[in-house]
PDB file of N, CA and C in Angstrom:
ATOM      1  N   UNK A   1     -14.543  17.768  67.482  1.00  0.00           N
ATOM      2  CA  UNK A   1     -15.923  17.548  67.102  1.00  0.00           C
ATOM      3  C   UNK A   1     -16.704  18.841  67.313  1.00  0.00           C
ATOM      4  N   UNK A   2     -17.581  19.112  66.400  1.00  0.00           N
ATOM      5  CA  UNK A   2     -18.383  20.331  66.467  1.00  0.00           C
ATOM      6  C   UNK A   2     -19.528  20.166  67.463  1.00  0.00           C
ATOM      7  N   UNK A   3     -19.931  21.265  68.048  1.00  0.00           N
ATOM      8  CA  UNK A   3     -21.019  21.229  69.027  1.00  0.00           C
ATOM      9  C   UNK A   3     -22.349  20.911  68.347  1.00  0.00           C
ATOM     10  N   UNK A   4     -22.531  21.431  67.131  1.00  0.00           N
ATOM     11  CA  UNK A   4     -23.770  21.206  66.396  1.00  0.00           C
ATOM     12  C   UNK A   4     -23.404  20.560  65.072  1.00  0.00           C
ATOM     13  N   UNK A   5     -23.966  19.400  64.807  1.00  0.00           N
ATOM     14  CA  UNK A   5     -23.703  18.738  63.529  1.00  0.00           C
ATOM     15  C   UNK A   5     -24.669  19.270  62.484  1.00  0.00           C
ATOM     16  N   UNK A   6     -24.100  19.817  61.433  1.00  0.00           N
ATOM     17  CA  UNK A   6     -24.898  20.357  60.335  1.00  0.00           C
ATOM     18  C   UNK A   6     -24.955  19.296  59.251  1.00  0.00           C
ATOM     19  N   UNK A   7     -26.134  19.019  58.710  1.00  0.00           N
ATOM     20  CA  UNK A   7     -26.241  17.972  57.691  1.00  0.00           C
ATOM     21  C   UNK A   7     -25.384  18.280  56.467  1.00  0.00           C
ATOM     22  N   UNK A   8     -24.926  17.219  55.799  1.00  0.00           N
ATOM     23  CA  UNK A   8     -24.075  17.369  54.629  1.00  0.00           C
ATOM     24  C   UNK A   8     -24.779  18.031  53.461  1.00  0.00           C
ATOM     25  N   UNK A   9     -26.090  17.869  53.361  1.00  0.00           N
ATOM     26  CA  UNK A   9     -26.804  18.458  52.230  1.00  0.00           C
ATOM     27  C   UNK A   9     -26.797  19.977  52.291  1.00  0.00           C
ATOM     28  N   UNK A  10     -26.614  20.524  53.482  1.00  0.00           N
ATOM     29  CA  UNK A  10     -26.558  21.981  53.609  1.00  0.00           C
ATOM     30  C   UNK A  10     -25.308  22.537  52.930  1.00  0.00           C
ATOM     31  N   UNK A  11     -24.206  21.801  53.019  1.00  0.00           N
ATOM     32  CA  UNK A  11     -22.977  22.207  52.323  1.00  0.00           C
ATOM     33  C   UNK A  11     -23.179  22.155  50.813  1.00  0.00           C
ATOM     34  N   UNK A  12     -23.947  21.182  50.332  1.00  0.00           N
ATOM     35  CA  UNK A  12     -24.216  21.096  48.886  1.00  0.00           C
ATOM     36  C   UNK A  12     -25.058  22.268  48.408  1.00  0.00           C
ATOM     37  N   UNK A  13     -25.948  22.747  49.260  1.00  0.00           N
ATOM     38  CA  UNK A  13     -26.740  23.929  48.898  1.00  0.00           C
ATOM     39  C   UNK A  13     -25.825  25.139  48.749  1.00  0.00           C
ATOM     40  N   UNK A  14     -24.913  25.328  49.694  1.00  0.00           N
ATOM     41  CA  UNK A  14     -23.962  26.439  49.594  1.00  0.00           C
ATOM     42  C   UNK A  14     -23.085  26.299  48.361  1.00  0.00           C
ATOM     43  N   UNK A  15     -22.649  25.081  48.064  1.00  0.00           N
ATOM     44  CA  UNK A  15     -21.811  24.859  46.886  1.00  0.00           C
ATOM     45  C   UNK A  15     -22.579  25.179  45.608  1.00  0.00           C
ATOM     46  N   UNK A  16     -23.858  24.836  45.564  1.00  0.00           N
ATOM     47  CA  UNK A  16     -24.693  25.187  44.413  1.00  0.00           C
ATOM     48  C   UNK A  16     -24.856  26.689  44.261  1.00  0.00           C
ATOM     49  N   UNK A  17     -25.016  27.390  45.369  1.00  0.00           N
ATOM     50  CA  UNK A  17     -25.135  28.848  45.310  1.00  0.00           C
ATOM     51  C   UNK A  17     -23.843  29.500  44.834  1.00  0.00           C
ATOM     52  N   UNK A  18     -22.708  28.966  45.267  1.00  0.00           N
ATOM     53  CA  UNK A  18     -21.419  29.487  44.797  1.00  0.00           C
ATOM     54  C   UNK A  18     -21.277  29.244  43.301  1.00  0.00           C
ATOM     55  N   UNK A  19     -21.688  28.059  42.829  1.00  0.00           N
ATOM     56  CA  UNK A  19     -21.607  27.758  41.395  1.00  0.00           C
ATOM     57  C   UNK A  19     -22.498  28.702  40.587  1.00  0.00           C
ATOM     58  N   UNK A  20     -23.677  29.018  41.091  1.00  0.00           N
ATOM     59  CA  UNK A  20     -24.554  29.963  40.387  1.00  0.00           C
ATOM     60  C   UNK A  20     -23.946  31.357  40.337  1.00  0.00           C
ATOM     61  N   UNK A  21     -23.293  31.772  41.409  1.00  0.00           N
ATOM     62  CA  UNK A  21     -22.627  33.076  41.417  1.00  0.00           C
ATOM     63  C   UNK A  21     -21.498  33.116  40.389  1.00  0.00           C
ATOM     64  N   UNK A  22     -20.742  32.027  40.279  1.00  0.00           N
ATOM     65  CA  UNK A  22     -19.651  31.976  39.299  1.00  0.00           C
ATOM     66  C   UNK A  22     -20.220  32.022  37.884  1.00  0.00           C
ATOM     67  N   UNK A  23     -21.308  31.298  37.634  1.00  0.00           N
ATOM     68  CA  UNK A  23     -21.944  31.349  36.311  1.00  0.00           C
ATOM     69  C   UNK A  23     -22.495  32.738  36.012  1.00  0.00           C
ATOM     70  N   UNK A  24     -22.908  33.453  37.030  1.00  0.00           N
ATOM     71  CA  UNK A  24     -23.408  34.811  36.845  1.00  0.00           C
ATOM     72  C   UNK A  24     -22.330  35.802  36.455  1.00  0.00           C
ATOM     73  N   UNK A  25     -21.069  35.443  36.645  1.00  0.00           N
ATOM     74  CA  UNK A  25     -19.971  36.327  36.251  1.00  0.00           C
ATOM     75  C   UNK A  25     -19.792  36.394  34.734  1.00  0.00           C
ATOM     76  N   UNK A  26     -20.218  35.361  34.007  1.00  0.00           N
ATOM     77  CA  UNK A  26     -19.993  35.310  32.554  1.00  0.00           C
ATOM     78  C   UNK A  26     -20.675  36.470  31.829  1.00  0.00           C
ATOM     79  N   UNK A  27     -21.975  36.720  32.009  1.00  0.00           N
ATOM     80  CA  UNK A  27     -22.569  37.865  31.299  1.00  0.00           C
ATOM     81  C   UNK A  27     -22.030  39.213  31.776  1.00  0.00           C
ATOM     82  N   UNK A  28     -21.621  39.281  33.029  1.00  0.00           N
ATOM     83  CA  UNK A  28     -21.061  40.537  33.539  1.00  0.00           C
ATOM     84  C   UNK A  28     -19.745  40.846  32.837  1.00  0.00           C
ATOM     85  N   UNK A  29     -18.912  39.836  32.657  1.00  0.00           N
ATOM     86  CA  UNK A  29     -17.630  40.040  31.977  1.00  0.00           C
ATOM     87  C   UNK A  29     -17.851  40.434  30.524  1.00  0.00           C
ATOM     88  N   UNK A  30     -18.864  39.862  29.878  1.00  0.00           N
ATOM     89  CA  UNK A  30     -19.173  40.253  28.494  1.00  0.00           C
ATOM     90  C   UNK A  30     -19.615  41.710  28.422  1.00  0.00           C
ATOM     91  N   UNK A  31     -20.391  42.150  29.401  1.00  0.00           N
ATOM     92  CA  UNK A  31     -20.820  43.554  29.401  1.00  0.00           C
ATOM     93  C   UNK A  31     -19.676  44.502  29.727  1.00  0.00           C
ATOM     94  N   UNK A  32     -18.687  44.041  30.489  1.00  0.00           N
ATOM     95  CA  UNK A  32     -17.521  44.875  30.777  1.00  0.00           C
ATOM     96  C   UNK A  32     -16.698  45.153  29.522  1.00  0.00           C
ATOM     97  N   UNK A  33     -16.792  44.283  28.542  1.00  0.00           N
ATOM     98  CA  UNK A  33     -16.043  44.457  27.299  1.00  0.00           C
ATOM     99  C   UNK A  33     -16.797  45.289  26.274  1.00  0.00           C
ATOM    100  N   UNK A  34     -17.984  45.740  26.597  1.00  0.00           N
ATOM    101  CA  UNK A  34     -18.793  46.525  25.668  1.00  0.00           C
ATOM    102  C   UNK A  34     -18.220  47.907  25.417  1.00  0.00           C
ATOM    103  N   UNK A  35     -18.787  48.585  24.421  1.00  0.00           N
ATOM    104  CA  UNK A  35     -18.308  49.907  24.034  1.00  0.00           C
ATOM    105  C   UNK A  35     -18.996  51.040  24.792  1.00  0.00           C
ATOM    106  N   UNK A  36     -20.226  50.818  25.217  1.00  0.00           N
ATOM    107  CA  UNK A  36     -20.996  51.863  25.891  1.00  0.00           C
ATOM    108  C   UNK A  36     -20.514  52.017  27.337  1.00  0.00           C
ATOM    109  N   UNK A  37     -20.165  53.243  27.709  1.00  0.00           N
ATOM    110  CA  UNK A  37     -19.630  53.470  29.061  1.00  0.00           C
ATOM    111  C   UNK A  37     -20.695  53.272  30.138  1.00  0.00           C
ATOM    112  N   UNK A  38     -21.952  53.581  29.829  1.00  0.00           N
ATOM    113  CA  UNK A  38     -23.015  53.383  30.820  1.00  0.00           C
ATOM    114  C   UNK A  38     -23.217  51.896  31.108  1.00  0.00           C
ATOM    115  N   UNK A  39     -23.138  51.082  30.071  1.00  0.00           N
ATOM    116  CA  UNK A  39     -23.285  49.635  30.251  1.00  0.00           C
ATOM    117  C   UNK A  39     -22.105  49.079  31.047  1.00  0.00           C
ATOM    118  N   UNK A  40     -20.914  49.578  30.772  1.00  0.00           N
ATOM    119  CA  UNK A  40     -19.734  49.131  31.517  1.00  0.00           C
ATOM    120  C   UNK A  40     -19.829  49.531  32.990  1.00  0.00           C
ATOM    121  N   UNK A  41     -20.360  50.728  33.264  1.00  0.00           N
ATOM    122  CA  UNK A  41     -20.508  51.167  34.652  1.00  0.00           C
ATOM    123  C   UNK A  41     -21.492  50.268  35.397  1.00  0.00           C
ATOM    124  N   UNK A  42     -22.617  49.963  34.769  1.00  0.00           N
ATOM    125  CA  UNK A  42     -23.584  49.057  35.396  1.00  0.00           C
ATOM    126  C   UNK A  42     -22.979  47.670  35.593  1.00  0.00           C
ATOM    127  N   UNK A  43     -22.152  47.241  34.634  1.00  0.00           N
ATOM    128  CA  UNK A  43     -21.501  45.937  34.769  1.00  0.00           C
ATOM    129  C   UNK A  43     -20.524  45.937  35.940  1.00  0.00           C
ATOM    130  N   UNK A  44     -19.853  47.051  36.169  1.00  0.00           N
ATOM    131  CA  UNK A  44     -18.942  47.134  37.320  1.00  0.00           C
ATOM    132  C   UNK A  44     -19.714  47.020  38.634  1.00  0.00           C
ATOM    133  N   UNK A  45     -20.871  47.657  38.692  1.00  0.00           N
ATOM    134  CA  UNK A  45     -21.691  47.547  39.903  1.00  0.00           C
ATOM    135  C   UNK A  45     -22.197  46.120  40.083  1.00  0.00           C
ATOM    136  N   UNK A  46     -22.582  45.478  38.979  1.00  0.00           N
ATOM    137  CA  UNK A  46     -23.007  44.083  39.066  1.00  0.00           C
ATOM    138  C   UNK A  46     -21.846  43.177  39.464  1.00  0.00           C
ATOM    139  N   UNK A  47     -20.643  43.535  39.023  1.00  0.00           N
ATOM    140  CA  UNK A  47     -19.465  42.766  39.411  1.00  0.00           C
ATOM    141  C   UNK A  47     -19.210  42.890  40.915  1.00  0.00           C
ATOM    142  N   UNK A  48     -19.405  44.083  41.468  1.00  0.00           N
ATOM    143  CA  UNK A  48     -19.300  44.257  42.928  1.00  0.00           C
ATOM    144  C   UNK A  48     -20.284  43.339  43.652  1.00  0.00           C
ATOM    145  N   UNK A  49     -21.499  43.288  43.142  1.00  0.00           N
ATOM    146  CA  UNK A  49     -22.530  42.452  43.745  1.00  0.00           C
ATOM    147  C   UNK A  49     -22.159  40.974  43.649  1.00  0.00           C
ATOM    148  N   UNK A  50     -21.690  40.544  42.478  1.00  0.00           N
ATOM    149  CA  UNK A  50     -21.362  39.132  42.282  1.00  0.00           C
ATOM    150  C   UNK A  50     -20.159  38.707  43.127  1.00  0.00           C
ATOM    151  N   UNK A  51     -19.128  39.523  43.175  1.00  0.00           N
ATOM    152  CA  UNK A  51     -17.948  39.180  43.979  1.00  0.00           C
ATOM    153  C   UNK A  51     -18.307  39.203  45.467  1.00  0.00           C
ATOM    154  N   UNK A  52     -19.133  40.159  45.859  1.00  0.00           N
ATOM    155  CA  UNK A  52     -19.591  40.185  47.249  1.00  0.00           C
ATOM    156  C   UNK A  52     -20.385  38.942  47.603  1.00  0.00           C
ATOM    157  N   UNK A  53     -21.243  38.511  46.692  1.00  0.00           N
ATOM    158  CA  UNK A  53     -21.999  37.283  46.923  1.00  0.00           C
ATOM    159  C   UNK A  53     -21.107  36.057  46.998  1.00  0.00           C
ATOM    160  N   UNK A  54     -20.084  36.025  46.141  1.00  0.00           N
ATOM    161  CA  UNK A  54     -19.131  34.913  46.200  1.00  0.00           C
ATOM    162  C   UNK A  54     -18.415  34.862  47.545  1.00  0.00           C
ATOM    163  N   UNK A  55     -17.992  36.017  48.025  1.00  0.00           N
ATOM    164  CA  UNK A  55     -17.330  36.044  49.334  1.00  0.00           C
ATOM    165  C   UNK A  55     -18.293  35.651  50.450  1.00  0.00           C
ATOM    166  N   UNK A  56     -19.529  36.109  50.347  1.00  0.00           N
ATOM    167  CA  UNK A  56     -20.531  35.793  51.361  1.00  0.00           C
ATOM    168  C   UNK A  56     -20.812  34.294  51.414  1.00  0.00           C
ATOM    169  N   UNK A  57     -21.105  33.706  50.247  1.00  0.00           N
ATOM    170  CA  UNK A  57     -21.394  32.273  50.204  1.00  0.00           C
ATOM    171  C   UNK A  57     -20.145  31.437  50.458  1.00  0.00           C
ATOM    172  N   UNK A  58     -18.991  31.914  49.980  1.00  0.00           N
ATOM    173  CA  UNK A  58     -17.744  31.184  50.223  1.00  0.00           C
ATOM    174  C   UNK A  58     -17.391  31.127  51.695  1.00  0.00           C
ATOM    175  N   UNK A  59     -17.590  32.221  52.404  1.00  0.00           N
ATOM    176  CA  UNK A  59     -17.347  32.219  53.845  1.00  0.00           C
ATOM    177  C   UNK A  59     -18.280  31.272  54.573  1.00  0.00           C
ATOM    178  N   UNK A  60     -19.535  31.243  54.153  1.00  0.00           N
ATOM    179  CA  UNK A  60     -20.477  30.306  54.766  1.00  0.00           C
ATOM    180  C   UNK A  60     -20.127  28.860  54.475  1.00  0.00           C
ATOM    181  N   UNK A  61     -19.724  28.588  53.229  1.00  0.00           N
ATOM    182  CA  UNK A  61     -19.354  27.222  52.850  1.00  0.00           C
ATOM    183  C   UNK A  61     -18.118  26.757  53.607  1.00  0.00           C
ATOM    184  N   UNK A  62     -17.112  27.615  53.680  1.00  0.00           N
ATOM    185  CA  UNK A  62     -15.902  27.233  54.415  1.00  0.00           C
ATOM    186  C   UNK A  62     -16.184  27.035  55.899  1.00  0.00           C
ATOM    187  N   UNK A  63     -17.094  27.815  56.453  1.00  0.00           N
ATOM    188  CA  UNK A  63     -17.440  27.639  57.868  1.00  0.00           C
ATOM    189  C   UNK A  63     -18.131  26.304  58.104  1.00  0.00           C
ATOM    190  N   UNK A  64     -18.882  25.833  57.102  1.00  0.00           N
ATOM    191  CA  UNK A  64     -19.540  24.536  57.248  1.00  0.00           C
ATOM    192  C   UNK A  64     -18.566  23.377  57.086  1.00  0.00           C
ATOM    193  N   UNK A  65     -17.627  23.513  56.163  1.00  0.00           N
ATOM    194  CA  UNK A  65     -16.761  22.386  55.827  1.00  0.00           C
ATOM    195  C   UNK A  65     -15.527  22.271  56.712  1.00  0.00           C
ATOM    196  N   UNK A  66     -15.050  23.378  57.249  1.00  0.00           N
ATOM    197  CA  UNK A  66     -13.830  23.375  58.059  1.00  0.00           C
ATOM    198  C   UNK A  66     -14.237  23.552  59.520  1.00  0.00           C
ATOM    199  N   UNK A  67     -13.471  22.988  60.412  1.00  0.00           N
ATOM    200  CA  UNK A  67     -13.836  23.014  61.830  1.00  0.00           C
ATOM    201  C   UNK A  67     -13.803  24.417  62.427  1.00  0.00           C
ATOM    202  N   UNK A  68     -12.969  25.298  61.889  1.00  0.00           N
ATOM    203  CA  UNK A  68     -12.887  26.644  62.456  1.00  0.00           C
ATOM    204  C   UNK A  68     -13.814  27.603  61.709  1.00  0.00           C
ATOM    205  N   UNK A  69     -13.997  28.759  62.267  1.00  0.00           N
ATOM    206  CA  UNK A  69     -14.918  29.735  61.684  1.00  0.00           C
ATOM    207  C   UNK A  69     -14.243  30.532  60.572  1.00  0.00           C
ATOM    208  N   UNK A  70     -14.878  30.565  59.418  1.00  0.00           N
ATOM    209  CA  UNK A  70     -14.422  31.345  58.272  1.00  0.00           C
ATOM    210  C   UNK A  70     -15.432  32.426  57.923  1.00  0.00           C
ATOM    211  N   UNK A  71     -16.302  32.764  58.845  1.00  0.00           N
ATOM    212  CA  UNK A  71     -17.324  33.768  58.550  1.00  0.00           C
ATOM    213  C   UNK A  71     -16.746  35.161  58.366  1.00  0.00           C
ATOM    214  N   UNK A  72     -15.508  35.384  58.778  1.00  0.00           N
ATOM    215  CA  UNK A  72     -14.885  36.695  58.583  1.00  0.00           C
ATOM    216  C   UNK A  72     -14.735  37.006  57.098  1.00  0.00           C
ATOM    217  N   UNK A  73     -14.718  35.980  56.233  1.00  0.00           N
ATOM    218  CA  UNK A  73     -14.657  36.218  54.787  1.00  0.00           C
ATOM    219  C   UNK A  73     -15.974  36.811  54.297  1.00  0.00           C
ATOM    220  N   UNK A  74     -17.061  36.490  54.969  1.00  0.00           N
ATOM    221  CA  UNK A  74     -18.372  36.976  54.551  1.00  0.00           C
ATOM    222  C   UNK A  74     -18.548  38.470  54.819  1.00  0.00           C
ATOM    223  N   UNK A  75     -17.835  39.013  55.783  1.00  0.00           N
ATOM    224  CA  UNK A  75     -17.992  40.436  56.130  1.00  0.00           C
ATOM    225  C   UNK A  75     -17.584  41.359  54.979  1.00  0.00           C
ATOM    226  N   UNK A  76     -16.407  41.171  54.347  1.00  0.00           N
ATOM    227  CA  UNK A  76     -16.099  42.023  53.185  1.00  0.00           C
ATOM    228  C   UNK A  76     -17.078  41.818  52.035  1.00  0.00           C
ATOM    229  N   UNK A  77     -17.585  40.593  51.889  1.00  0.00           N
ATOM    230  CA  UNK A  77     -18.588  40.347  50.855  1.00  0.00           C
ATOM    231  C   UNK A  77     -19.852  41.142  51.102  1.00  0.00           C
ATOM    232  N   UNK A  78     -20.280  41.163  52.352  1.00  0.00           N
ATOM    233  CA  UNK A  78     -21.463  41.943  52.700  1.00  0.00           C
ATOM    234  C   UNK A  78     -21.218  43.427  52.463  1.00  0.00           C
ATOM    235  N   UNK A  79     -20.009  43.897  52.783  1.00  0.00           N
ATOM    236  CA  UNK A  79     -19.686  45.310  52.585  1.00  0.00           C
ATOM    237  C   UNK A  79     -19.649  45.668  51.094  1.00  0.00           C
ATOM    238  N   UNK A  80     -19.102  44.790  50.258  1.00  0.00           N
ATOM    239  CA  UNK A  80     -19.084  45.040  48.811  1.00  0.00           C
ATOM    240  C   UNK A  80     -20.500  45.097  48.247  1.00  0.00           C
ATOM    241  N   UNK A  81     -21.341  44.168  48.687  1.00  0.00           N
ATOM    242  CA  UNK A  81     -22.723  44.160  48.203  1.00  0.00           C
ATOM    243  C   UNK A  81     -23.457  45.414  48.662  1.00  0.00           C
ATOM    244  N   UNK A  82     -23.232  45.831  49.894  1.00  0.00           N
ATOM    245  CA  UNK A  82     -23.875  47.042  50.407  1.00  0.00           C
ATOM    246  C   UNK A  82     -23.444  48.268  49.622  1.00  0.00           C
ATOM    247  N   UNK A  83     -22.147  48.374  49.335  1.00  0.00           N
ATOM    248  CA  UNK A  83     -21.647  49.518  48.563  1.00  0.00           C
ATOM    249  C   UNK A  83     -22.233  49.522  47.155  1.00  0.00           C
ATOM    250  N   UNK A  84     -22.284  48.368  46.524  1.00  0.00           N
ATOM    251  CA  UNK A  84     -22.848  48.283  45.178  1.00  0.00           C
ATOM    252  C   UNK A  84     -24.311  48.683  45.136  1.00  0.00           C
ATOM    253  N   UNK A  85     -25.092  48.178  46.087  1.00  0.00           N
ATOM    254  CA  UNK A  85     -26.515  48.529  46.112  1.00  0.00           C
ATOM    255  C   UNK A  85     -26.734  49.991  46.481  1.00  0.00           C
ATOM    256  N   UNK A  86     -25.881  50.547  47.328  1.00  0.00           N
ATOM    257  CA  UNK A  86     -26.012  51.967  47.674  1.00  0.00           C
ATOM    258  C   UNK A  86     -25.752  52.843  46.451  1.00  0.00           C
ATOM    259  N   UNK A  87     -24.724  52.517  45.679  1.00  0.00           N
ATOM    260  CA  UNK A  87     -24.425  53.294  44.471  1.00  0.00           C
ATOM    261  C   UNK A  87     -25.542  53.145  43.448  1.00  0.00           C
ATOM    262  N   UNK A  88     -26.065  51.931  43.296  1.00  0.00           N
ATOM    263  CA  UNK A  88     -27.188  51.725  42.371  1.00  0.00           C
ATOM    264  C   UNK A  88     -28.403  52.538  42.809  1.00  0.00           C
ATOM    265  N   UNK A  89     -28.661  52.590  44.109  1.00  0.00           N
ATOM    266  CA  UNK A  89     -29.792  53.363  44.615  1.00  0.00           C
ATOM    267  C   UNK A  89     -29.638  54.850  44.376  1.00  0.00           C
ATOM    268  N   UNK A  90     -28.428  55.369  44.563  1.00  0.00           N
ATOM    269  CA  UNK A  90     -28.180  56.792  44.311  1.00  0.00           C
ATOM    270  C   UNK A  90     -28.386  57.114  42.837  1.00  0.00           C
ATOM    271  N   UNK A  91     -27.893  56.260  41.955  1.00  0.00           N
ATOM    272  CA  UNK A  91     -28.079  56.494  40.522  1.00  0.00           C
ATOM    273  C   UNK A  91     -29.550  56.404  40.130  1.00  0.00           C
ATOM    274  N   UNK A  92     -30.275  55.486  40.754  1.00  0.00           N
ATOM    275  CA  UNK A  92     -31.694  55.357  40.458  1.00  0.00           C
ATOM    276  C   UNK A  92     -32.448  56.607  40.903  1.00  0.00           C
ATOM    277  N   UNK A  93     -32.106  57.136  42.090  1.00  0.00           N
ATOM    278  CA  UNK A  93     -32.761  58.351  42.577  1.00  0.00           C
ATOM    279  C   UNK A  93     -32.428  59.558  41.713  1.00  0.00           C
ATOM    280  N   UNK A  94     -31.184  59.666  41.259  1.00  0.00           N
ATOM    281  CA  UNK A  94     -30.810  60.779  40.381  1.00  0.00           C
ATOM    282  C   UNK A  94     -31.551  60.709  39.053  1.00  0.00           C
ATOM    283  N   UNK A  95     -31.665  59.519  38.494  1.00  0.00           N
ATOM    284  CA  UNK A  95     -32.384  59.366  37.226  1.00  0.00           C
ATOM    285  C   UNK A  95     -33.862  59.674  37.409  1.00  0.00           C
ATOM    286  N   UNK A  96     -34.403  59.332  38.551  1.00  0.00           N
ATOM    287  CA  UNK A  96     -35.816  59.594  38.820  1.00  0.00           C
ATOM    288  C   UNK A  96     -36.074  61.090  38.983  1.00  0.00           C
ATOM    289  N   UNK A  97     -35.141  61.798  39.623  1.00  0.00           N
ATOM    290  CA  UNK A  97     -35.312  63.243  39.812  1.00  0.00           C
ATOM    291  C   UNK A  97     -35.213  64.000  38.501  1.00  0.00           C
ATOM    292  N   UNK A  98     -34.275  63.616  37.645  1.00  0.00           N
ATOM    293  CA  UNK A  98     -34.125  64.327  36.372  1.00  0.00           C
ATOM    294  C   UNK A  98     -35.288  64.045  35.439  1.00  0.00           C
ATOM    295  N   UNK A  99     -35.922  62.879  35.577  1.00  0.00           N
ATOM    296  CA  UNK A  99     -37.065  62.553  34.724  1.00  0.00           C
ATOM    297  C   UNK A  99     -38.320  63.292  35.183  1.00  0.00           C
ATOM    298  N   UNK A 100     -38.417  63.599  36.463  1.00  0.00           N
ATOM    299  CA  UNK A 100     -39.626  64.240  36.997  1.00  0.00           C
ATOM    300  C   UNK A 100     -39.616  65.735  36.825  1.00  0.00           C
TER     301      UNK A 100
END
């Protein structure tokens, strides 16, 4: 038995967030098939973000549903999201400098 009982509706919220992340993969995959290399590069960064979010929410969902801790799955997800946002930030700063 768990020390703290978490309501069942909280697991449904996590499941809904995971479903939204999976649905978000569809436009990213379409952009990965495009001809423009810049669009494909941005799609790869968005794919890093989406997969990181899936790992983050999946680790949280598994931790709620299973008696043992699965939060270790969320750590690589957080790292993927951090790397994706860092690369996006560097590209944004470079584009801003060349425009100024």
